[in-house]
Amino acid sequence: MEGNQLGVISLADALAEAAKAGLDLVEVSPTAAPPVCRIMDYGKFRYQQSKKVQISKKSQTVIQVKEIRLRPKTEEHDLEVKIKHIRKFLEQRNKVKITMMFRGREIAYTELGRKIMEDIKETLADGAAIDQHPRLEGRNMIMILSPKK
C-alpha cells in the first residue's frame, strides 16, 4: 500500500482498505472529478501541515509603514532629527510615509511644504526610493519612501 494508487474505487471499498490498514481515509482534492482521497494518519497529516505554515510564516518579512509628521514651520534641527528617524526606519527595511500637515492659513504656503519635501528627498536619495512623490491630499501633503534594494 506504500504510495500505490488503487484507482477509482467506491467509498465503501476505500473505507474498508483504510480500516484494514488502521489509518484514515482523507479527502485531498475535493474539487477534482472524481475526488482524490488518500489513506494516511490524519493526525500526522495535520501536524505536518501546521509545521509547513510555521516555516512559511518564519520566512516572511513584514514590511510596516512608519509615519513621520512635519509642519511647514518645523525648524532645521528638528528636521535633521526627523531625517535621522527616517534613515533608521529605512535601514530596518520599513516604508516611510512623510506627512506635511498644513493648519489654518498655512495651506496658502504649500510651496514651502513642497520645498521641504524635495529637500528631504534629495537628502535621502542614497538610501531611499520614492514610491509616491509629494502630493496634496486635503490639508496634508504626503510622500512615501521605501528602502532601496
N, C-alpha and C. Protein backbone atom coordinates (compact mmCIF):
# COMPACT_ATOMS: atom_id res chain seq x y z
N MET A 1 0.81 -1.20 0.00
CA MET A 1 0.00 0.00 0.00
C MET A 1 0.86 1.27 0.00
N GLU A 2 2.17 1.18 0.25
CA GLU A 2 3.02 2.36 0.35
C GLU A 2 3.07 3.12 -0.97
N GLY A 3 2.25 4.17 -1.09
CA GLY A 3 2.28 5.03 -2.27
C GLY A 3 1.63 4.44 -3.50
N ASN A 4 1.01 3.26 -3.40
CA ASN A 4 0.37 2.66 -4.57
C ASN A 4 -0.97 3.33 -4.82
N GLN A 5 -1.31 3.45 -6.10
CA GLN A 5 -2.62 4.00 -6.45
C GLN A 5 -3.59 2.85 -6.60
N LEU A 6 -4.75 2.99 -5.98
CA LEU A 6 -5.77 1.95 -6.08
C LEU A 6 -6.74 2.20 -7.23
N GLY A 7 -6.65 3.39 -7.85
CA GLY A 7 -7.54 3.72 -8.96
C GLY A 7 -8.87 4.21 -8.43
N VAL A 8 -9.88 4.21 -9.30
CA VAL A 8 -11.20 4.68 -8.91
C VAL A 8 -11.93 3.51 -8.25
N ILE A 9 -12.24 3.67 -6.95
CA ILE A 9 -12.97 2.63 -6.21
C ILE A 9 -14.10 3.29 -5.44
N SER A 10 -15.04 2.47 -5.00
CA SER A 10 -16.21 3.00 -4.29
C SER A 10 -15.80 3.46 -2.90
N LEU A 11 -16.65 4.28 -2.29
CA LEU A 11 -16.37 4.83 -0.97
C LEU A 11 -16.29 3.71 0.07
N ALA A 12 -17.19 2.75 -0.03
CA ALA A 12 -17.20 1.64 0.93
C ALA A 12 -15.89 0.84 0.85
N ASP A 13 -15.42 0.57 -0.38
CA ASP A 13 -14.16 -0.16 -0.55
C ASP A 13 -12.98 0.63 0.00
N ALA A 14 -12.99 1.95 -0.26
CA ALA A 14 -11.90 2.80 0.22
C ALA A 14 -11.87 2.83 1.74
N LEU A 15 -13.05 2.93 2.37
CA LEU A 15 -13.11 2.93 3.84
C LEU A 15 -12.65 1.59 4.40
N ALA A 16 -13.00 0.51 3.71
CA ALA A 16 -12.59 -0.82 4.16
C ALA A 16 -11.06 -0.96 4.08
N GLU A 17 -10.46 -0.46 3.00
CA GLU A 17 -9.00 -0.51 2.85
C GLU A 17 -8.32 0.30 3.96
N ALA A 18 -8.88 1.48 4.27
CA ALA A 18 -8.30 2.32 5.31
C ALA A 18 -8.40 1.63 6.67
N ALA A 19 -9.56 1.02 6.94
CA ALA A 19 -9.74 0.32 8.22
C ALA A 19 -8.78 -0.87 8.33
N LYS A 20 -8.57 -1.58 7.22
CA LYS A 20 -7.67 -2.72 7.20
C LYS A 20 -6.23 -2.30 7.53
N ALA A 21 -5.86 -1.11 7.05
CA ALA A 21 -4.51 -0.60 7.30
C ALA A 21 -4.41 0.10 8.66
N GLY A 22 -5.56 0.34 9.32
CA GLY A 22 -5.56 1.03 10.61
C GLY A 22 -5.29 2.52 10.47
N LEU A 23 -5.63 3.08 9.30
CA LEU A 23 -5.40 4.51 9.04
C LEU A 23 -6.72 5.20 8.70
N ASP A 24 -6.64 6.46 8.31
CA ASP A 24 -7.83 7.25 7.97
C ASP A 24 -7.89 7.47 6.46
N LEU A 25 -9.12 7.63 5.96
CA LEU A 25 -9.33 7.99 4.55
C LEU A 25 -9.49 9.51 4.51
N VAL A 26 -8.54 10.22 3.88
CA VAL A 26 -8.53 11.68 3.87
C VAL A 26 -8.76 12.17 2.45
N GLU A 27 -9.74 13.08 2.31
CA GLU A 27 -10.03 13.67 1.00
C GLU A 27 -9.01 14.79 0.76
N VAL A 28 -8.16 14.61 -0.24
CA VAL A 28 -7.08 15.54 -0.51
C VAL A 28 -7.52 16.63 -1.48
N SER A 29 -8.21 16.25 -2.53
CA SER A 29 -8.65 17.22 -3.55
C SER A 29 -10.14 17.03 -3.83
N PRO A 30 -11.01 17.76 -3.08
CA PRO A 30 -12.45 17.57 -3.25
C PRO A 30 -13.00 18.13 -4.56
N THR A 31 -12.27 19.04 -5.20
CA THR A 31 -12.79 19.66 -6.42
C THR A 31 -12.55 18.82 -7.67
N ALA A 32 -11.64 17.85 -7.58
CA ALA A 32 -11.36 17.00 -8.73
C ALA A 32 -12.54 16.09 -9.02
N ALA A 33 -12.61 15.60 -10.25
CA ALA A 33 -13.68 14.65 -10.60
C ALA A 33 -13.03 13.37 -11.08
N PRO A 34 -13.10 12.26 -10.42
CA PRO A 34 -13.68 12.06 -9.07
C PRO A 34 -12.76 12.62 -7.99
N PRO A 35 -13.29 12.88 -6.77
CA PRO A 35 -12.47 13.44 -5.69
C PRO A 35 -11.30 12.52 -5.36
N VAL A 36 -10.14 13.12 -5.06
CA VAL A 36 -8.94 12.34 -4.75
C VAL A 36 -8.86 12.16 -3.24
N CYS A 37 -8.70 10.90 -2.80
CA CYS A 37 -8.57 10.59 -1.39
C CYS A 37 -7.26 9.85 -1.17
N ARG A 38 -6.78 9.88 0.07
CA ARG A 38 -5.54 9.23 0.41
C ARG A 38 -5.71 8.50 1.74
N ILE A 39 -5.13 7.32 1.84
CA ILE A 39 -5.17 6.57 3.10
C ILE A 39 -3.92 6.95 3.88
N MET A 40 -4.12 7.62 5.03
CA MET A 40 -2.98 8.11 5.82
C MET A 40 -3.41 8.34 7.26
N ASP A 41 -2.43 8.64 8.11
CA ASP A 41 -2.71 9.00 9.50
C ASP A 41 -3.07 10.49 9.50
N TYR A 42 -4.33 10.80 9.81
CA TYR A 42 -4.81 12.18 9.71
C TYR A 42 -4.13 13.09 10.72
N GLY A 43 -3.87 12.62 11.92
CA GLY A 43 -3.20 13.43 12.95
C GLY A 43 -1.82 13.84 12.50
N LYS A 44 -1.08 12.89 11.92
CA LYS A 44 0.26 13.18 11.41
C LYS A 44 0.20 14.19 10.26
N PHE A 45 -0.81 14.04 9.39
CA PHE A 45 -1.00 14.93 8.25
C PHE A 45 -1.24 16.37 8.74
N ARG A 46 -2.12 16.53 9.75
CA ARG A 46 -2.42 17.86 10.29
C ARG A 46 -1.17 18.47 10.92
N TYR A 47 -0.38 17.67 11.62
CA TYR A 47 0.85 18.14 12.24
C TYR A 47 1.83 18.65 11.18
N GLN A 48 1.99 17.89 10.10
CA GLN A 48 2.91 18.30 9.03
C GLN A 48 2.43 19.60 8.37
N GLN A 49 1.11 19.74 8.18
CA GLN A 49 0.56 20.96 7.59
C GLN A 49 0.84 22.16 8.49
N SER A 50 0.68 22.00 9.81
CA SER A 50 0.92 23.13 10.73
C SER A 50 2.41 23.50 10.72
N LYS A 51 3.29 22.51 10.59
CA LYS A 51 4.72 22.80 10.52
C LYS A 51 5.06 23.58 9.25
N LYS A 52 4.43 23.23 8.12
CA LYS A 52 4.65 23.96 6.87
C LYS A 52 4.23 25.41 7.02
N VAL A 53 3.08 25.64 7.66
CA VAL A 53 2.59 27.00 7.87
C VAL A 53 3.56 27.79 8.74
N GLN A 54 4.08 27.16 9.81
CA GLN A 54 5.03 27.84 10.70
C GLN A 54 6.30 28.23 9.94
N ILE A 55 6.81 27.34 9.11
CA ILE A 55 8.03 27.62 8.35
C ILE A 55 7.79 28.76 7.37
N SER A 56 6.63 28.76 6.71
CA SER A 56 6.35 29.83 5.75
C SER A 56 6.19 31.18 6.45
N LYS A 57 5.61 31.18 7.67
CA LYS A 57 5.48 32.42 8.42
C LYS A 57 6.84 32.94 8.86
N LYS A 58 7.73 32.02 9.20
CA LYS A 58 9.07 32.40 9.66
C LYS A 58 9.87 33.07 8.55
N SER A 59 9.67 32.62 7.32
CA SER A 59 10.45 33.15 6.20
C SER A 59 9.88 34.46 5.67
N GLN A 60 8.65 34.83 6.07
CA GLN A 60 8.06 36.07 5.61
C GLN A 60 8.65 37.25 6.35
N THR A 61 8.77 38.38 5.67
CA THR A 61 9.18 39.60 6.33
C THR A 61 8.01 40.57 6.26
N VAL A 62 7.67 41.13 7.39
CA VAL A 62 6.54 42.05 7.44
C VAL A 62 7.07 43.46 7.26
N ILE A 63 6.59 44.13 6.24
CA ILE A 63 7.00 45.50 5.97
C ILE A 63 5.95 46.42 6.56
N GLN A 64 6.38 47.25 7.48
CA GLN A 64 5.47 48.21 8.08
C GLN A 64 5.64 49.55 7.40
N VAL A 65 4.61 50.39 7.52
CA VAL A 65 4.69 51.75 7.02
C VAL A 65 4.77 52.65 8.24
N LYS A 66 5.93 53.28 8.42
CA LYS A 66 6.13 54.20 9.53
C LYS A 66 5.79 55.60 9.04
N GLU A 67 5.25 56.42 9.94
CA GLU A 67 4.84 57.77 9.53
C GLU A 67 5.62 58.81 10.30
N ILE A 68 6.10 59.81 9.58
CA ILE A 68 6.76 60.97 10.16
C ILE A 68 5.90 62.18 9.80
N ARG A 69 5.53 62.96 10.81
CA ARG A 69 4.69 64.14 10.57
C ARG A 69 5.51 65.41 10.73
N LEU A 70 5.30 66.33 9.80
CA LEU A 70 6.00 67.60 9.79
C LEU A 70 5.00 68.73 9.64
N ARG A 71 5.49 69.94 9.90
CA ARG A 71 4.72 71.15 9.59
C ARG A 71 5.63 72.04 8.76
N PRO A 72 5.09 72.98 8.02
CA PRO A 72 5.94 73.85 7.21
C PRO A 72 6.88 74.71 8.06
N LYS A 73 6.53 74.93 9.32
CA LYS A 73 7.35 75.78 10.19
C LYS A 73 8.33 74.96 11.04
N THR A 74 8.51 73.65 10.75
CA THR A 74 9.44 72.82 11.51
C THR A 74 10.85 73.37 11.35
N GLU A 75 11.53 73.57 12.48
CA GLU A 75 12.86 74.16 12.48
C GLU A 75 13.90 73.20 11.89
N GLU A 76 15.05 73.75 11.53
CA GLU A 76 16.09 72.99 10.83
C GLU A 76 16.59 71.81 11.66
N HIS A 77 16.89 72.05 12.95
CA HIS A 77 17.41 70.96 13.79
C HIS A 77 16.38 69.86 13.96
N ASP A 78 15.11 70.23 14.16
CA ASP A 78 14.05 69.24 14.32
C ASP A 78 13.91 68.42 13.04
N LEU A 79 14.09 69.09 11.91
CA LEU A 79 14.04 68.41 10.62
C LEU A 79 15.17 67.38 10.51
N GLU A 80 16.37 67.74 10.97
CA GLU A 80 17.51 66.82 10.93
C GLU A 80 17.24 65.59 11.80
N VAL A 81 16.64 65.80 12.97
CA VAL A 81 16.30 64.69 13.86
C VAL A 81 15.30 63.77 13.18
N LYS A 82 14.30 64.35 12.53
CA LYS A 82 13.29 63.54 11.84
C LYS A 82 13.91 62.78 10.67
N ILE A 83 14.87 63.38 9.98
CA ILE A 83 15.55 62.69 8.88
C ILE A 83 16.35 61.50 9.42
N LYS A 84 16.96 61.65 10.62
CA LYS A 84 17.66 60.53 11.24
C LYS A 84 16.70 59.38 11.53
N HIS A 85 15.49 59.73 12.00
CA HIS A 85 14.48 58.70 12.26
C HIS A 85 14.08 58.00 10.96
N ILE A 86 13.93 58.78 9.90
CA ILE A 86 13.56 58.20 8.60
C ILE A 86 14.65 57.23 8.14
N ARG A 87 15.92 57.63 8.27
CA ARG A 87 17.03 56.74 7.90
C ARG A 87 16.98 55.44 8.69
N LYS A 88 16.71 55.55 9.99
CA LYS A 88 16.64 54.36 10.86
C LYS A 88 15.52 53.43 10.38
N PHE A 89 14.36 54.00 10.06
CA PHE A 89 13.24 53.18 9.59
C PHE A 89 13.59 52.49 8.27
N LEU A 90 14.26 53.22 7.38
CA LEU A 90 14.63 52.64 6.08
C LEU A 90 15.67 51.53 6.26
N GLU A 91 16.59 51.69 7.22
CA GLU A 91 17.58 50.64 7.49
C GLU A 91 16.91 49.39 8.03
N GLN A 92 15.78 49.56 8.73
CA GLN A 92 15.02 48.41 9.24
C GLN A 92 14.11 47.82 8.17
N ARG A 93 14.27 48.25 6.93
CA ARG A 93 13.53 47.75 5.76
C ARG A 93 12.04 48.08 5.83
N ASN A 94 11.68 49.21 6.45
CA ASN A 94 10.29 49.65 6.52
C ASN A 94 10.07 50.80 5.55
N LYS A 95 8.83 50.92 5.08
CA LYS A 95 8.47 52.07 4.26
C LYS A 95 8.20 53.25 5.19
N VAL A 96 8.37 54.47 4.67
CA VAL A 96 8.15 55.66 5.47
C VAL A 96 7.18 56.58 4.74
N LYS A 97 6.13 56.99 5.47
CA LYS A 97 5.15 57.93 4.93
C LYS A 97 5.43 59.27 5.61
N ILE A 98 5.81 60.26 4.81
CA ILE A 98 6.11 61.58 5.35
C ILE A 98 4.89 62.46 5.09
N THR A 99 4.33 62.98 6.18
CA THR A 99 3.11 63.79 6.09
C THR A 99 3.43 65.22 6.51
N MET A 100 3.18 66.16 5.61
CA MET A 100 3.33 67.58 5.90
C MET A 100 1.92 68.11 6.19
N MET A 101 1.70 68.53 7.43
CA MET A 101 0.37 68.99 7.83
C MET A 101 0.30 70.51 7.74
N PHE A 102 -0.74 71.01 7.08
CA PHE A 102 -0.97 72.44 6.98
C PHE A 102 -2.17 72.78 7.84
N ARG A 103 -1.97 73.69 8.81
CA ARG A 103 -3.07 74.10 9.68
C ARG A 103 -3.49 75.53 9.34
N GLY A 104 -4.77 75.77 9.42
CA GLY A 104 -5.30 77.13 9.23
C GLY A 104 -4.87 77.74 7.92
N ARG A 105 -4.25 78.91 8.03
CA ARG A 105 -3.87 79.66 6.82
C ARG A 105 -2.56 79.17 6.20
N GLU A 106 -1.91 78.19 6.85
CA GLU A 106 -0.67 77.64 6.28
C GLU A 106 -0.91 77.01 4.91
N ILE A 107 -2.14 76.64 4.62
CA ILE A 107 -2.47 75.98 3.35
C ILE A 107 -2.08 76.87 2.16
N ALA A 108 -1.96 78.18 2.41
CA ALA A 108 -1.55 79.11 1.34
C ALA A 108 -0.07 78.93 0.99
N TYR A 109 0.71 78.28 1.90
CA TYR A 109 2.14 78.13 1.70
C TYR A 109 2.52 76.68 1.35
N THR A 110 1.77 76.07 0.46
CA THR A 110 2.06 74.68 0.08
C THR A 110 3.41 74.58 -0.63
N GLU A 111 3.84 75.65 -1.29
CA GLU A 111 5.14 75.63 -1.98
C GLU A 111 6.29 75.48 -0.98
N LEU A 112 6.15 76.10 0.19
CA LEU A 112 7.17 75.96 1.23
C LEU A 112 7.23 74.51 1.70
N GLY A 113 6.07 73.90 1.89
CA GLY A 113 6.00 72.49 2.28
C GLY A 113 6.59 71.58 1.21
N ARG A 114 6.29 71.88 -0.06
CA ARG A 114 6.82 71.07 -1.17
C ARG A 114 8.34 71.19 -1.23
N LYS A 115 8.88 72.38 -0.96
CA LYS A 115 10.34 72.58 -0.98
C LYS A 115 10.99 71.75 0.13
N ILE A 116 10.40 71.72 1.32
CA ILE A 116 10.93 70.92 2.42
C ILE A 116 10.91 69.44 2.04
N MET A 117 9.83 68.98 1.42
CA MET A 117 9.73 67.58 0.99
C MET A 117 10.81 67.25 -0.04
N GLU A 118 11.04 68.18 -0.98
CA GLU A 118 12.07 67.96 -2.00
C GLU A 118 13.46 67.89 -1.36
N ASP A 119 13.70 68.74 -0.35
CA ASP A 119 14.98 68.71 0.36
C ASP A 119 15.18 67.36 1.05
N ILE A 120 14.13 66.86 1.68
CA ILE A 120 14.21 65.55 2.35
C ILE A 120 14.51 64.46 1.31
N LYS A 121 13.83 64.56 0.17
CA LYS A 121 14.02 63.58 -0.90
C LYS A 121 15.47 63.58 -1.39
N GLU A 122 16.05 64.73 -1.56
CA GLU A 122 17.44 64.83 -2.01
C GLU A 122 18.41 64.32 -0.95
N THR A 123 18.12 64.63 0.32
CA THR A 123 18.99 64.19 1.42
C THR A 123 19.02 62.67 1.52
N LEU A 124 17.87 62.03 1.29
CA LEU A 124 17.76 60.57 1.45
C LEU A 124 17.91 59.81 0.13
N ALA A 125 18.33 60.49 -0.93
CA ALA A 125 18.39 59.87 -2.26
C ALA A 125 19.27 58.63 -2.29
N ASP A 126 20.33 58.57 -1.45
CA ASP A 126 21.25 57.44 -1.48
C ASP A 126 20.63 56.16 -0.92
N GLY A 127 19.69 56.27 0.04
CA GLY A 127 19.16 55.06 0.67
C GLY A 127 17.68 54.83 0.49
N ALA A 128 17.02 55.70 -0.27
CA ALA A 128 15.56 55.58 -0.38
C ALA A 128 15.10 55.72 -1.82
N ALA A 129 14.07 54.95 -2.15
CA ALA A 129 13.41 55.08 -3.45
C ALA A 129 12.04 55.71 -3.20
N ILE A 130 11.61 56.57 -4.11
CA ILE A 130 10.33 57.25 -3.92
C ILE A 130 9.20 56.40 -4.50
N ASP A 131 8.28 55.98 -3.62
CA ASP A 131 7.10 55.23 -4.08
C ASP A 131 6.03 56.20 -4.56
N GLN A 132 5.88 57.30 -3.83
CA GLN A 132 4.87 58.29 -4.19
C GLN A 132 5.47 59.67 -3.99
N HIS A 133 5.49 60.45 -5.06
CA HIS A 133 6.03 61.80 -4.98
C HIS A 133 5.11 62.67 -4.13
N PRO A 134 5.61 63.81 -3.61
CA PRO A 134 4.76 64.65 -2.76
C PRO A 134 3.51 65.10 -3.50
N ARG A 135 2.36 64.86 -2.86
CA ARG A 135 1.12 65.35 -3.45
C ARG A 135 0.16 65.75 -2.34
N LEU A 136 -0.65 66.73 -2.64
CA LEU A 136 -1.56 67.31 -1.66
C LEU A 136 -2.82 66.47 -1.58
N GLU A 137 -3.18 66.05 -0.36
CA GLU A 137 -4.44 65.34 -0.11
C GLU A 137 -5.15 66.07 1.00
N GLY A 138 -6.10 66.89 0.62
CA GLY A 138 -6.80 67.71 1.61
C GLY A 138 -5.86 68.75 2.17
N ARG A 139 -5.69 68.77 3.50
CA ARG A 139 -4.79 69.74 4.14
C ARG A 139 -3.41 69.14 4.42
N ASN A 140 -3.15 67.93 3.91
CA ASN A 140 -1.86 67.27 4.12
C ASN A 140 -1.16 67.01 2.80
N MET A 141 0.17 67.10 2.83
CA MET A 141 0.97 66.73 1.67
C MET A 141 1.68 65.43 2.06
N ILE A 142 1.58 64.41 1.20
CA ILE A 142 2.09 63.10 1.55
C ILE A 142 3.12 62.64 0.53
N MET A 143 4.20 62.02 1.06
CA MET A 143 5.23 61.41 0.22
C MET A 143 5.57 60.07 0.87
N ILE A 144 5.73 59.01 0.05
CA ILE A 144 6.06 57.69 0.58
C ILE A 144 7.41 57.24 0.02
N LEU A 145 8.30 56.85 0.95
CA LEU A 145 9.63 56.37 0.60
C LEU A 145 9.75 54.90 0.96
N SER A 146 10.55 54.16 0.20
CA SER A 146 10.82 52.77 0.54
C SER A 146 12.33 52.55 0.45
N PRO A 147 12.84 51.56 1.19
CA PRO A 147 14.29 51.32 1.15
C PRO A 147 14.73 50.82 -0.22
N LYS A 148 15.92 51.21 -0.64
CA LYS A 148 16.47 50.72 -1.91
C LYS A 148 16.87 49.27 -1.72
N LYS A 149 16.76 48.50 -2.77
CA LYS A 149 17.08 47.07 -2.71
C LYS A 149 18.57 46.89 -2.56
